[in-house]
Amino acid sequence: MTADVKPTPAPAPIRKPLGEIFVERGLLTRASVDRLISHAKSKNIRLGELLEVIGLVTPEELAEALAIQYHVRKIGDFAKYTYQANVLSLIPIDMAVKHCIFPLKLDDGRLGLAVADPTTDKLFASISAQHNLKLVLYVATRLDINRAIARHYLGQAIGGGASKTILLVEDDQLSREMVSKILTRQGYQVETALDGMDAFSKIFTLKPKLVITDKVMPKLGGYEFLFAIRNIPEFRYMPVILMTAAATPDEEKEALEKGFFDFVLKPVKEIGLLTRVKRAFASREALYGKTA
């Protein structure tokens, strides 16, 4: 009688360090990679994120390097295709927005998934276990994924916006109306959203020049909304002002470190609000010019 012999699982493919890939492709020198790795560690961010933010590599170059590192395919310009409703339903809109992922196809127990960050193993394991599906990852730029989310989840497309458009995100009706009136009287074009998810769905078509958002809201809160739009290259440097009922020194520090341009205390005072809004527009014009 012979004992059952379990097959030895195949070893996981060796992942080449991202910095080494950029050096091999002639995009960076080894000395610069070493310095950037040290800087990324000090800021507690990934090397790829740092390189994209400071503009040393393009989103396409980063996606290509991640595809090489994780031995998966890179895809692009996939928003133009048609996707089945049962496939889209596997990834809820809030999950797609928060994690910058998009379901591509379902075939023979396998779910094709476009991802900007292939390193989030816990998320992928959770999706796989929930639906009893094997995931097949495809690396894409954040812009391509967000275009697909905008078109196929929200029925919208990334467009242009007026030069003085402000998107106001506030779930309280009285606060929303009050702030909107203050800004409208000063000649700003104000569009409103009821929460962070509503704002995310509108930002592609409105393409505002400034966002003012409440901190605590249903669905996507202020911090989550900021993180979601910072994943979209077009909106990465757009000023976002946080409205909060209480701002301790620690919270003020956290808000600025997370990327908010400024903050406004609630209940909102007209002079303080307009001062911050004018400062935000002045900062944007200094970077992009008045017509941007």
C-alpha atoms as a PDB file:
ATOM      1  CA  MET A   1       0.000   0.000   0.000  1.00  0.00           C
ATOM      2  CA  THR A   2       1.533   3.306  -1.046  1.00  0.00           C
ATOM      3  CA  ALA A   3       1.134   6.524   0.867  1.00  0.00           C
ATOM      4  CA  ASP A   4      -0.477   9.496  -0.829  1.00  0.00           C
ATOM      5  CA  VAL A   5       2.150  11.940  -1.918  1.00  0.00           C
ATOM      6  CA  LYS A   6       1.040  15.533  -2.140  1.00  0.00           C
ATOM      7  CA  PRO A   7       2.553  17.463  -5.010  1.00  0.00           C
ATOM      8  CA  THR A   8       5.081  20.086  -4.018  1.00  0.00           C
ATOM      9  CA  PRO A   9       3.652  23.552  -4.686  1.00  0.00           C
ATOM     10  CA  ALA A  10       5.519  25.597  -7.257  1.00  0.00           C
ATOM     11  CA  PRO A  11       7.744  28.257  -5.695  1.00  0.00           C
ATOM     12  CA  ALA A  12       6.475  31.823  -5.895  1.00  0.00           C
ATOM     13  CA  PRO A  13       8.157  33.802  -8.661  1.00  0.00           C
ATOM     14  CA  ILE A  14      10.980  36.011  -7.486  1.00  0.00           C
ATOM     15  CA  ARG A  15       9.977  39.671  -7.452  1.00  0.00           C
ATOM     16  CA  LYS A  16      12.684  42.002  -8.599  1.00  0.00           C
ATOM     17  CA  PRO A  17      12.931  45.217  -6.545  1.00  0.00           C
ATOM     18  CA  LEU A  18      11.096  48.095  -8.194  1.00  0.00           C
ATOM     19  CA  GLY A  19      14.125  50.363  -8.057  1.00  0.00           C
ATOM     20  CA  GLU A  20      16.211  47.789  -9.873  1.00  0.00           C
ATOM     21  CA  ILE A  21      13.649  47.648 -12.682  1.00  0.00           C
ATOM     22  CA  PHE A  22      13.822  51.417 -13.152  1.00  0.00           C
ATOM     23  CA  VAL A  23      17.626  51.257 -13.223  1.00  0.00           C
ATOM     24  CA  GLU A  24      17.590  48.467 -15.828  1.00  0.00           C
ATOM     25  CA  ARG A  25      15.160  50.455 -17.991  1.00  0.00           C
ATOM     26  CA  GLY A  26      17.443  53.499 -17.833  1.00  0.00           C
ATOM     27  CA  LEU A  27      14.891  55.684 -16.034  1.00  0.00           C
ATOM     28  CA  LEU A  28      16.918  56.163 -12.843  1.00  0.00           C
ATOM     29  CA  THR A  29      20.483  55.708 -11.640  1.00  0.00           C
ATOM     30  CA  ARG A  30      21.336  53.309  -8.835  1.00  0.00           C
ATOM     31  CA  ALA A  31      22.545  56.159  -6.633  1.00  0.00           C
ATOM     32  CA  SER A  32      19.291  58.082  -7.063  1.00  0.00           C
ATOM     33  CA  VAL A  33      17.258  54.937  -6.313  1.00  0.00           C
ATOM     34  CA  ASP A  34      19.154  54.419  -3.042  1.00  0.00           C
ATOM     35  CA  ARG A  35      18.476  58.004  -1.982  1.00  0.00           C
ATOM     36  CA  LEU A  36      14.807  57.782  -2.981  1.00  0.00           C
ATOM     37  CA  ILE A  37      14.295  54.514  -1.098  1.00  0.00           C
ATOM     38  CA  SER A  38      15.689  56.141   2.035  1.00  0.00           C
ATOM     39  CA  HIS A  39      13.410  59.151   1.553  1.00  0.00           C
ATOM     40  CA  ALA A  40      10.348  56.955   0.937  1.00  0.00           C
ATOM     41  CA  LYS A  41      11.030  55.022   4.157  1.00  0.00           C
ATOM     42  CA  SER A  42      11.322  58.254   6.136  1.00  0.00           C
ATOM     43  CA  LYS A  43       7.916  59.363   4.783  1.00  0.00           C
ATOM     44  CA  ASN A  44       6.377  55.898   5.252  1.00  0.00           C
ATOM     45  CA  ILE A  45       5.280  55.654   1.612  1.00  0.00           C
ATOM     46  CA  ARG A  46       6.109  53.195  -1.150  1.00  0.00           C
ATOM     47  CA  LEU A  47       8.880  53.965  -3.608  1.00  0.00           C
ATOM     48  CA  GLY A  48       6.530  53.823  -6.602  1.00  0.00           C
ATOM     49  CA  GLU A  49       4.120  56.305  -5.032  1.00  0.00           C
ATOM     50  CA  LEU A  50       6.965  58.717  -4.259  1.00  0.00           C
ATOM     51  CA  LEU A  51       8.375  58.491  -7.779  1.00  0.00           C
ATOM     52  CA  GLU A  52       4.986  59.195  -9.360  1.00  0.00           C
ATOM     53  CA  VAL A  53       4.151  62.077  -7.016  1.00  0.00           C
ATOM     54  CA  ILE A  54       7.422  63.931  -7.594  1.00  0.00           C
ATOM     55  CA  GLY A  55       7.280  63.220 -11.326  1.00  0.00           C
ATOM     56  CA  LEU A  56      10.438  61.149 -11.780  1.00  0.00           C
ATOM     57  CA  VAL A  57       8.418  58.456 -13.550  1.00  0.00           C
ATOM     58  CA  THR A  58       5.163  58.710 -15.452  1.00  0.00           C
ATOM     59  CA  PRO A  59       2.057  56.731 -14.432  1.00  0.00           C
ATOM     60  CA  GLU A  60       2.594  54.547 -17.516  1.00  0.00           C
ATOM     61  CA  GLU A  61       6.206  53.834 -16.572  1.00  0.00           C
ATOM     62  CA  LEU A  62       5.199  52.950 -13.016  1.00  0.00           C
ATOM     63  CA  ALA A  63       2.463  50.584 -14.230  1.00  0.00           C
ATOM     64  CA  GLU A  64       4.898  48.906 -16.626  1.00  0.00           C
ATOM     65  CA  ALA A  65       7.456  48.410 -13.846  1.00  0.00           C
ATOM     66  CA  LEU A  66       4.848  46.988 -11.446  1.00  0.00           C
ATOM     67  CA  ALA A  67       3.681  44.583 -14.145  1.00  0.00           C
ATOM     68  CA  ILE A  68       7.261  43.354 -14.544  1.00  0.00           C
ATOM     69  CA  GLN A  69       7.768  43.109 -10.785  1.00  0.00           C
ATOM     70  CA  TYR A  70       4.593  41.085 -10.181  1.00  0.00           C
ATOM     71  CA  HIS A  71       4.738  39.035 -13.394  1.00  0.00           C
ATOM     72  CA  VAL A  72       1.331  40.209 -14.619  1.00  0.00           C
ATOM     73  CA  ARG A  73       0.053  41.986 -17.710  1.00  0.00           C
ATOM     74  CA  LYS A  74      -0.326  45.742 -18.019  1.00  0.00           C
ATOM     75  CA  ILE A  75      -3.498  47.051 -19.651  1.00  0.00           C
ATOM     76  CA  GLY A  76      -4.760  50.493 -20.595  1.00  0.00           C
ATOM     77  CA  ASP A  77      -7.594  52.413 -22.243  1.00  0.00           C
ATOM     78  CA  PHE A  78     -10.170  49.824 -21.153  1.00  0.00           C
ATOM     79  CA  ALA A  79     -12.949  52.242 -20.160  1.00  0.00           C
ATOM     80  CA  LYS A  80     -14.180  52.229 -23.767  1.00  0.00           C
ATOM     81  CA  TYR A  81     -15.299  48.597 -23.585  1.00  0.00           C
ATOM     82  CA  THR A  82     -18.625  47.182 -22.357  1.00  0.00           C
ATOM     83  CA  TYR A  83     -18.788  45.329 -19.019  1.00  0.00           C
ATOM     84  CA  GLN A  84     -21.490  43.014 -17.749  1.00  0.00           C
ATOM     85  CA  ALA A  85     -23.558  44.138 -14.757  1.00  0.00           C
ATOM     86  CA  ASN A  86     -22.957  40.853 -12.906  1.00  0.00           C
ATOM     87  CA  VAL A  87     -19.196  41.422 -13.169  1.00  0.00           C
ATOM     88  CA  LEU A  88     -19.389  45.021 -11.925  1.00  0.00           C
ATOM     89  CA  SER A  89     -21.572  43.894  -9.007  1.00  0.00           C
ATOM     90  CA  LEU A  90     -18.719  41.745  -7.676  1.00  0.00           C
ATOM     91  CA  ILE A  91     -16.824  44.905  -6.685  1.00  0.00           C
ATOM     92  CA  PRO A  92     -19.028  47.527  -4.970  1.00  0.00           C
ATOM     93  CA  ILE A  93     -18.500  51.128  -6.034  1.00  0.00           C
ATOM     94  CA  ASP A  94     -17.099  52.171  -2.640  1.00  0.00           C
ATOM     95  CA  MET A  95     -14.500  49.376  -2.779  1.00  0.00           C
ATOM     96  CA  ALA A  96     -13.577  50.267  -6.351  1.00  0.00           C
ATOM     97  CA  VAL A  97     -13.101  53.930  -5.405  1.00  0.00           C
ATOM     98  CA  LYS A  98     -11.217  53.366  -2.145  1.00  0.00           C
ATOM     99  CA  HIS A  99      -8.787  50.806  -3.541  1.00  0.00           C
ATOM    100  CA  CYS A 100      -8.616  51.957  -7.176  1.00  0.00           C
ATOM    101  CA  ILE A 101      -9.612  48.596  -8.678  1.00  0.00           C
ATOM    102  CA  PHE A 102     -11.961  47.639 -11.515  1.00  0.00           C
ATOM    103  CA  PRO A 103     -13.479  44.240 -12.428  1.00  0.00           C
ATOM    104  CA  LEU A 104     -12.747  43.357 -16.043  1.00  0.00           C
ATOM    105  CA  LYS A 105     -14.160  39.918 -16.796  1.00  0.00           C
ATOM    106  CA  LEU A 106     -15.434  36.707 -15.240  1.00  0.00           C
ATOM    107  CA  ASP A 107     -14.394  33.487 -16.921  1.00  0.00           C
ATOM    108  CA  ASP A 108     -14.396  29.908 -15.647  1.00  0.00           C
ATOM    109  CA  GLY A 109     -14.125  30.805 -11.961  1.00  0.00           C
ATOM    110  CA  ARG A 110     -11.560  33.529 -12.521  1.00  0.00           C
ATOM    111  CA  LEU A 111     -12.096  37.252 -12.063  1.00  0.00           C
ATOM    112  CA  GLY A 112      -9.900  39.612 -14.040  1.00  0.00           C
ATOM    113  CA  LEU A 113      -9.162  42.686 -11.951  1.00  0.00           C
ATOM    114  CA  ALA A 114      -7.458  45.922 -12.993  1.00  0.00           C
ATOM    115  CA  VAL A 115      -5.377  47.228 -10.084  1.00  0.00           C
ATOM    116  CA  ALA A 116      -3.123  50.214  -9.575  1.00  0.00           C
ATOM    117  CA  ASP A 117      -1.403  48.645  -6.577  1.00  0.00           C
ATOM    118  CA  PRO A 118      -0.766  44.881  -6.840  1.00  0.00           C
ATOM    119  CA  THR A 119       0.738  44.758  -3.339  1.00  0.00           C
ATOM    120  CA  THR A 120      -2.536  44.744  -1.362  1.00  0.00           C
ATOM    121  CA  ASP A 121      -2.636  40.966  -0.814  1.00  0.00           C
ATOM    122  CA  LYS A 122      -5.168  41.049   2.051  1.00  0.00           C
ATOM    123  CA  LEU A 123      -7.723  42.870  -0.086  1.00  0.00           C
ATOM    124  CA  PHE A 124      -7.314  40.422  -2.959  1.00  0.00           C
ATOM    125  CA  ALA A 125      -7.532  37.417  -0.621  1.00  0.00           C
ATOM    126  CA  SER A 126     -10.750  38.818   0.856  1.00  0.00           C
ATOM    127  CA  ILE A 127     -12.348  39.330  -2.577  1.00  0.00           C
ATOM    128  CA  SER A 128     -11.281  35.866  -3.682  1.00  0.00           C
ATOM    129  CA  ALA A 129     -12.700  34.195  -0.555  1.00  0.00           C
ATOM    130  CA  GLN A 130     -15.959  36.165  -0.618  1.00  0.00           C
ATOM    131  CA  HIS A 131     -16.836  35.157  -4.190  1.00  0.00           C
ATOM    132  CA  ASN A 132     -14.951  31.846  -4.317  1.00  0.00           C
ATOM    133  CA  LEU A 133     -13.061  33.065  -7.365  1.00  0.00           C
ATOM    134  CA  LYS A 134      -9.437  33.082  -8.403  1.00  0.00           C
ATOM    135  CA  LEU A 135      -8.205  36.582  -9.127  1.00  0.00           C
ATOM    136  CA  VAL A 136      -6.174  37.385 -12.217  1.00  0.00           C
ATOM    137  CA  LEU A 137      -4.513  40.772 -11.762  1.00  0.00           C
ATOM    138  CA  TYR A 138      -3.809  43.304 -14.488  1.00  0.00           C
ATOM    139  CA  VAL A 139      -1.819  46.439 -13.653  1.00  0.00           C
ATOM    140  CA  ALA A 140      -3.202  49.735 -14.923  1.00  0.00           C
ATOM    141  CA  THR A 141      -2.647  53.413 -14.214  1.00  0.00           C
ATOM    142  CA  ARG A 142      -4.884  55.078 -11.656  1.00  0.00           C
ATOM    143  CA  LEU A 143      -6.193  57.370 -14.388  1.00  0.00           C
ATOM    144  CA  ASP A 144      -7.342  54.451 -16.562  1.00  0.00           C
ATOM    145  CA  ILE A 145      -9.025  52.745 -13.608  1.00  0.00           C
ATOM    146  CA  ASN A 146     -10.803  55.902 -12.507  1.00  0.00           C
ATOM    147  CA  ARG A 147     -11.972  56.573 -16.053  1.00  0.00           C
ATOM    148  CA  ALA A 148     -13.524  53.092 -16.094  1.00  0.00           C
ATOM    149  CA  ILE A 149     -15.136  53.640 -12.670  1.00  0.00           C
ATOM    150  CA  ALA A 150     -16.542  57.005 -13.772  1.00  0.00           C
ATOM    151  CA  ARG A 151     -17.997  55.644 -16.988  1.00  0.00           C
ATOM    152  CA  HIS A 152     -19.300  52.212 -15.958  1.00  0.00           C
ATOM    153  CA  TYR A 153     -20.311  52.732 -12.324  1.00  0.00           C
ATOM    154  CA  LEU A 154     -21.298  56.381 -12.473  1.00  0.00           C
ATOM    155  CA  GLY A 155     -22.222  56.918 -16.113  1.00  0.00           C
ATOM    156  CA  GLN A 156     -19.913  59.903 -16.390  1.00  0.00           C
ATOM    157  CA  ALA A 157     -16.714  60.915 -18.111  1.00  0.00           C
ATOM    158  CA  ILE A 158     -13.769  63.077 -17.145  1.00  0.00           C
ATOM    159  CA  GLY A 159     -14.360  66.518 -18.644  1.00  0.00           C
ATOM    160  CA  GLY A 160     -13.499  70.178 -18.220  1.00  0.00           C
ATOM    161  CA  GLY A 161     -14.789  72.743 -15.741  1.00  0.00           C
ATOM    162  CA  ALA A 162     -15.351  76.466 -15.356  1.00  0.00           C
ATOM    163  CA  SER A 163     -12.493  78.547 -13.972  1.00  0.00           C
ATOM    164  CA  LYS A 164     -14.229  79.485 -10.684  1.00  0.00           C
ATOM    165  CA  THR A 165     -16.082  76.241  -9.953  1.00  0.00           C
ATOM    166  CA  ILE A 166     -16.135  75.039  -6.338  1.00  0.00           C
ATOM    167  CA  LEU A 167     -17.464  71.660  -5.294  1.00  0.00           C
ATOM    168  CA  LEU A 168     -19.019  71.875  -1.819  1.00  0.00           C
ATOM    169  CA  VAL A 169     -19.401  68.525  -0.049  1.00  0.00           C
ATOM    170  CA  GLU A 170     -21.694  68.734   2.986  1.00  0.00           C
ATOM    171  CA  ASP A 171     -24.427  66.369   4.213  1.00  0.00           C
ATOM    172  CA  ASP A 172     -26.126  68.950   6.455  1.00  0.00           C
ATOM    173  CA  GLN A 173     -28.621  70.948   4.388  1.00  0.00           C
ATOM    174  CA  LEU A 174     -28.482  74.166   6.442  1.00  0.00           C
ATOM    175  CA  SER A 175     -24.681  74.285   6.384  1.00  0.00           C
ATOM    176  CA  ARG A 176     -24.630  73.441   2.701  1.00  0.00           C
ATOM    177  CA  GLU A 177     -27.049  76.233   1.800  1.00  0.00           C
ATOM    178  CA  MET A 178     -25.315  78.800   4.000  1.00  0.00           C
ATOM    179  CA  VAL A 179     -21.816  78.150   2.639  1.00  0.00           C
ATOM    180  CA  SER A 180     -23.139  77.998  -0.919  1.00  0.00           C
ATOM    181  CA  LYS A 181     -24.808  81.432  -0.577  1.00  0.00           C
ATOM    182  CA  ILE A 182     -21.644  83.004   0.840  1.00  0.00           C
ATOM    183  CA  LEU A 183     -19.576  81.767  -2.105  1.00  0.00           C
ATOM    184  CA  THR A 184     -22.186  82.467  -4.785  1.00  0.00           C
ATOM    185  CA  ARG A 185     -22.454  86.112  -3.682  1.00  0.00           C
ATOM    186  CA  GLN A 186     -18.728  86.456  -4.411  1.00  0.00           C
ATOM    187  CA  GLY A 187     -19.106  85.203  -7.984  1.00  0.00           C
ATOM    188  CA  TYR A 188     -18.057  81.594  -7.526  1.00  0.00           C
ATOM    189  CA  GLN A 189     -19.927  78.826  -9.327  1.00  0.00           C
ATOM    190  CA  VAL A 190     -20.860  76.410  -6.551  1.00  0.00           C
ATOM    191  CA  GLU A 191     -21.876  72.809  -7.135  1.00  0.00           C
ATOM    192  CA  THR A 192     -22.900  70.671  -4.173  1.00  0.00           C
ATOM    193  CA  ALA A 193     -22.648  67.030  -3.139  1.00  0.00           C
ATOM    194  CA  LEU A 194     -24.301  65.293  -0.180  1.00  0.00           C
ATOM    195  CA  ASP A 195     -21.354  63.085   0.797  1.00  0.00           C
ATOM    196  CA  GLY A 196     -17.959  61.940  -0.363  1.00  0.00           C
ATOM    197  CA  MET A 197     -19.287  59.269  -2.704  1.00  0.00           C
ATOM    198  CA  ASP A 198     -21.687  61.734  -4.326  1.00  0.00           C
ATOM    199  CA  ALA A 199     -18.778  64.166  -4.719  1.00  0.00           C
ATOM    200  CA  PHE A 200     -16.577  61.492  -6.273  1.00  0.00           C
ATOM    201  CA  SER A 201     -19.289  60.739  -8.826  1.00  0.00           C
ATOM    202  CA  LYS A 202     -19.554  64.416  -9.797  1.00  0.00           C
ATOM    203  CA  ILE A 203     -15.922  65.427  -9.814  1.00  0.00           C
ATOM    204  CA  PHE A 204     -15.187  63.888 -13.212  1.00  0.00           C
ATOM    205  CA  THR A 205     -17.703  66.022 -15.107  1.00  0.00           C
ATOM    206  CA  LEU A 206     -17.489  69.163 -12.967  1.00  0.00           C
ATOM    207  CA  LYS A 207     -13.702  69.165 -12.719  1.00  0.00           C
ATOM    208  CA  PRO A 208     -13.803  71.890 -10.037  1.00  0.00           C
ATOM    209  CA  LYS A 209     -10.875  74.148  -9.252  1.00  0.00           C
ATOM    210  CA  LEU A 210     -11.426  73.835  -5.489  1.00  0.00           C
ATOM    211  CA  VAL A 211     -13.206  71.407  -3.163  1.00  0.00           C
ATOM    212  CA  ILE A 212     -14.568  72.270   0.281  1.00  0.00           C
ATOM    213  CA  THR A 213     -15.569  69.151   2.204  1.00  0.00           C
ATOM    214  CA  ASP A 214     -17.014  68.344   5.584  1.00  0.00           C
ATOM    215  CA  LYS A 215     -15.004  65.927   7.717  1.00  0.00           C
ATOM    216  CA  VAL A 216     -17.729  63.576   8.985  1.00  0.00           C
ATOM    217  CA  MET A 217     -20.160  62.264   6.358  1.00  0.00           C
ATOM    218  CA  PRO A 218     -21.854  58.968   5.452  1.00  0.00           C
ATOM    219  CA  LYS A 219     -20.226  56.659   2.884  1.00  0.00           C
ATOM    220  CA  LEU A 220     -16.953  58.492   2.168  1.00  0.00           C
ATOM    221  CA  GLY A 221     -15.853  60.928   4.873  1.00  0.00           C
ATOM    222  CA  GLY A 222     -13.629  63.927   4.225  1.00  0.00           C
ATOM    223  CA  TYR A 223     -10.323  62.092   4.693  1.00  0.00           C
ATOM    224  CA  GLU A 224     -11.449  59.106   2.603  1.00  0.00           C
ATOM    225  CA  PHE A 225     -12.671  61.406  -0.160  1.00  0.00           C
ATOM    226  CA  LEU A 226      -9.331  63.238  -0.202  1.00  0.00           C
ATOM    227  CA  PHE A 227      -7.468  59.931  -0.496  1.00  0.00           C
ATOM    228  CA  ALA A 228      -9.754  58.803  -3.338  1.00  0.00           C
ATOM    229  CA  ILE A 229      -9.243  61.912  -5.487  1.00  0.00           C
ATOM    230  CA  ARG A 230      -5.510  62.009  -4.806  1.00  0.00           C
ATOM    231  CA  ASN A 231      -5.443  58.711  -6.725  1.00  0.00           C
ATOM    232  CA  ILE A 232      -6.524  60.627  -9.845  1.00  0.00           C
ATOM    233  CA  PRO A 233      -3.624  62.492 -11.491  1.00  0.00           C
ATOM    234  CA  GLU A 234      -5.873  65.347 -12.723  1.00  0.00           C
ATOM    235  CA  PHE A 235      -6.961  66.133  -9.170  1.00  0.00           C
ATOM    236  CA  ARG A 236      -3.808  65.274  -7.244  1.00  0.00           C
ATOM    237  CA  TYR A 237      -2.818  68.887  -6.626  1.00  0.00           C
ATOM    238  CA  MET A 238      -6.274  70.462  -6.560  1.00  0.00           C
ATOM    239  CA  PRO A 239      -6.692  72.381  -3.275  1.00  0.00           C
ATOM    240  CA  VAL A 240      -9.124  70.790  -0.841  1.00  0.00           C
ATOM    241  CA  ILE A 241     -10.345  72.654   2.254  1.00  0.00           C
ATOM    242  CA  LEU A 242     -11.618  70.652   5.224  1.00  0.00           C
ATOM    243  CA  MET A 243     -14.588  71.825   7.284  1.00  0.00           C
ATOM    244  CA  THR A 244     -14.616  70.522  10.843  1.00  0.00           C
ATOM    245  CA  ALA A 245     -16.547  71.313  14.015  1.00  0.00           C
ATOM    246  CA  ALA A 246     -13.458  70.990  16.193  1.00  0.00           C
ATOM    247  CA  ALA A 247      -9.800  71.308  15.257  1.00  0.00           C
ATOM    248  CA  THR A 248      -7.215  70.562  17.912  1.00  0.00           C
ATOM    249  CA  PRO A 249      -3.547  71.331  17.150  1.00  0.00           C
ATOM    250  CA  ASP A 250      -2.999  67.607  16.512  1.00  0.00           C
ATOM    251  CA  GLU A 251      -5.912  67.441  14.076  1.00  0.00           C
ATOM    252  CA  GLU A 252      -4.771  70.572  12.276  1.00  0.00           C
ATOM    253  CA  LYS A 253      -1.337  69.007  11.880  1.00  0.00           C
ATOM    254  CA  GLU A 254      -2.828  65.717  10.630  1.00  0.00           C
ATOM    255  CA  ALA A 255      -5.118  67.463   8.133  1.00  0.00           C
ATOM    256  CA  LEU A 256      -2.250  69.409   6.584  1.00  0.00           C
ATOM    257  CA  GLU A 257       0.049  66.377   6.551  1.00  0.00           C
ATOM    258  CA  LYS A 258      -2.638  64.288   4.832  1.00  0.00           C
ATOM    259  CA  GLY A 259      -2.804  66.844   2.039  1.00  0.00           C
ATOM    260  CA  PHE A 260      -5.610  69.295   2.845  1.00  0.00           C
ATOM    261  CA  PHE A 261      -4.803  72.807   1.673  1.00  0.00           C
ATOM    262  CA  ASP A 262      -6.481  74.413   4.690  1.00  0.00           C
ATOM    263  CA  PHE A 263      -9.354  73.941   7.121  1.00  0.00           C
ATOM    264  CA  VAL A 264     -12.392  75.949   8.232  1.00  0.00           C
ATOM    265  CA  LEU A 265     -14.055  75.700  11.613  1.00  0.00           C
ATOM    266  CA  LYS A 266     -17.825  75.138  11.856  1.00  0.00           C
ATOM    267  CA  PRO A 267     -20.043  77.034  12.240  1.00  0.00           C
ATOM    268  CA  VAL A 268     -18.475  78.736   9.227  1.00  0.00           C
ATOM    269  CA  LYS A 269     -17.733  82.471   9.420  1.00  0.00           C
ATOM    270  CA  GLU A 270     -17.905  84.378   6.133  1.00  0.00           C
ATOM    271  CA  ILE A 271     -14.631  86.294   6.417  1.00  0.00           C
ATOM    272  CA  GLY A 272     -12.621  83.208   7.392  1.00  0.00           C
ATOM    273  CA  LEU A 273     -14.158  81.116   4.623  1.00  0.00           C
ATOM    274  CA  LEU A 274     -13.600  83.689   1.872  1.00  0.00           C
ATOM    275  CA  THR A 275     -10.022  84.349   2.999  1.00  0.00           C
ATOM    276  CA  ARG A 276      -9.168  80.654   2.690  1.00  0.00           C
ATOM    277  CA  VAL A 277     -10.974  80.272  -0.630  1.00  0.00           C
ATOM    278  CA  LYS A 278      -9.175  83.270  -2.162  1.00  0.00           C
ATOM    279  CA  ARG A 279      -5.868  81.925  -0.880  1.00  0.00           C
ATOM    280  CA  ALA A 280      -6.587  78.525  -2.440  1.00  0.00           C
ATOM    281  CA  PHE A 281      -7.396  80.061  -5.840  1.00  0.00           C
ATOM    282  CA  ALA A 282      -4.284  82.254  -5.641  1.00  0.00           C
ATOM    283  CA  SER A 283      -2.169  79.184  -4.932  1.00  0.00           C
ATOM    284  CA  ARG A 284      -3.692  77.331  -7.882  1.00  0.00           C
ATOM    285  CA  GLU A 285      -3.173  80.270 -10.233  1.00  0.00           C
ATOM    286  CA  ALA A 286       0.469  80.512  -9.152  1.00  0.00           C
ATOM    287  CA  LEU A 287       0.933  76.858 -10.178  1.00  0.00           C
ATOM    288  CA  TYR A 288      -1.193  76.626 -13.314  1.00  0.00           C
ATOM    289  CA  GLY A 289      -2.094  80.173 -14.378  1.00  0.00           C
ATOM    290  CA  LYS A 290      -5.531  81.776 -14.378  1.00  0.00           C
ATOM    291  CA  THR A 291      -6.917  79.778 -17.308  1.00  0.00           C
ATOM    292  CA  ALA A 292      -6.106  76.325 -15.899  1.00  0.00           C
END
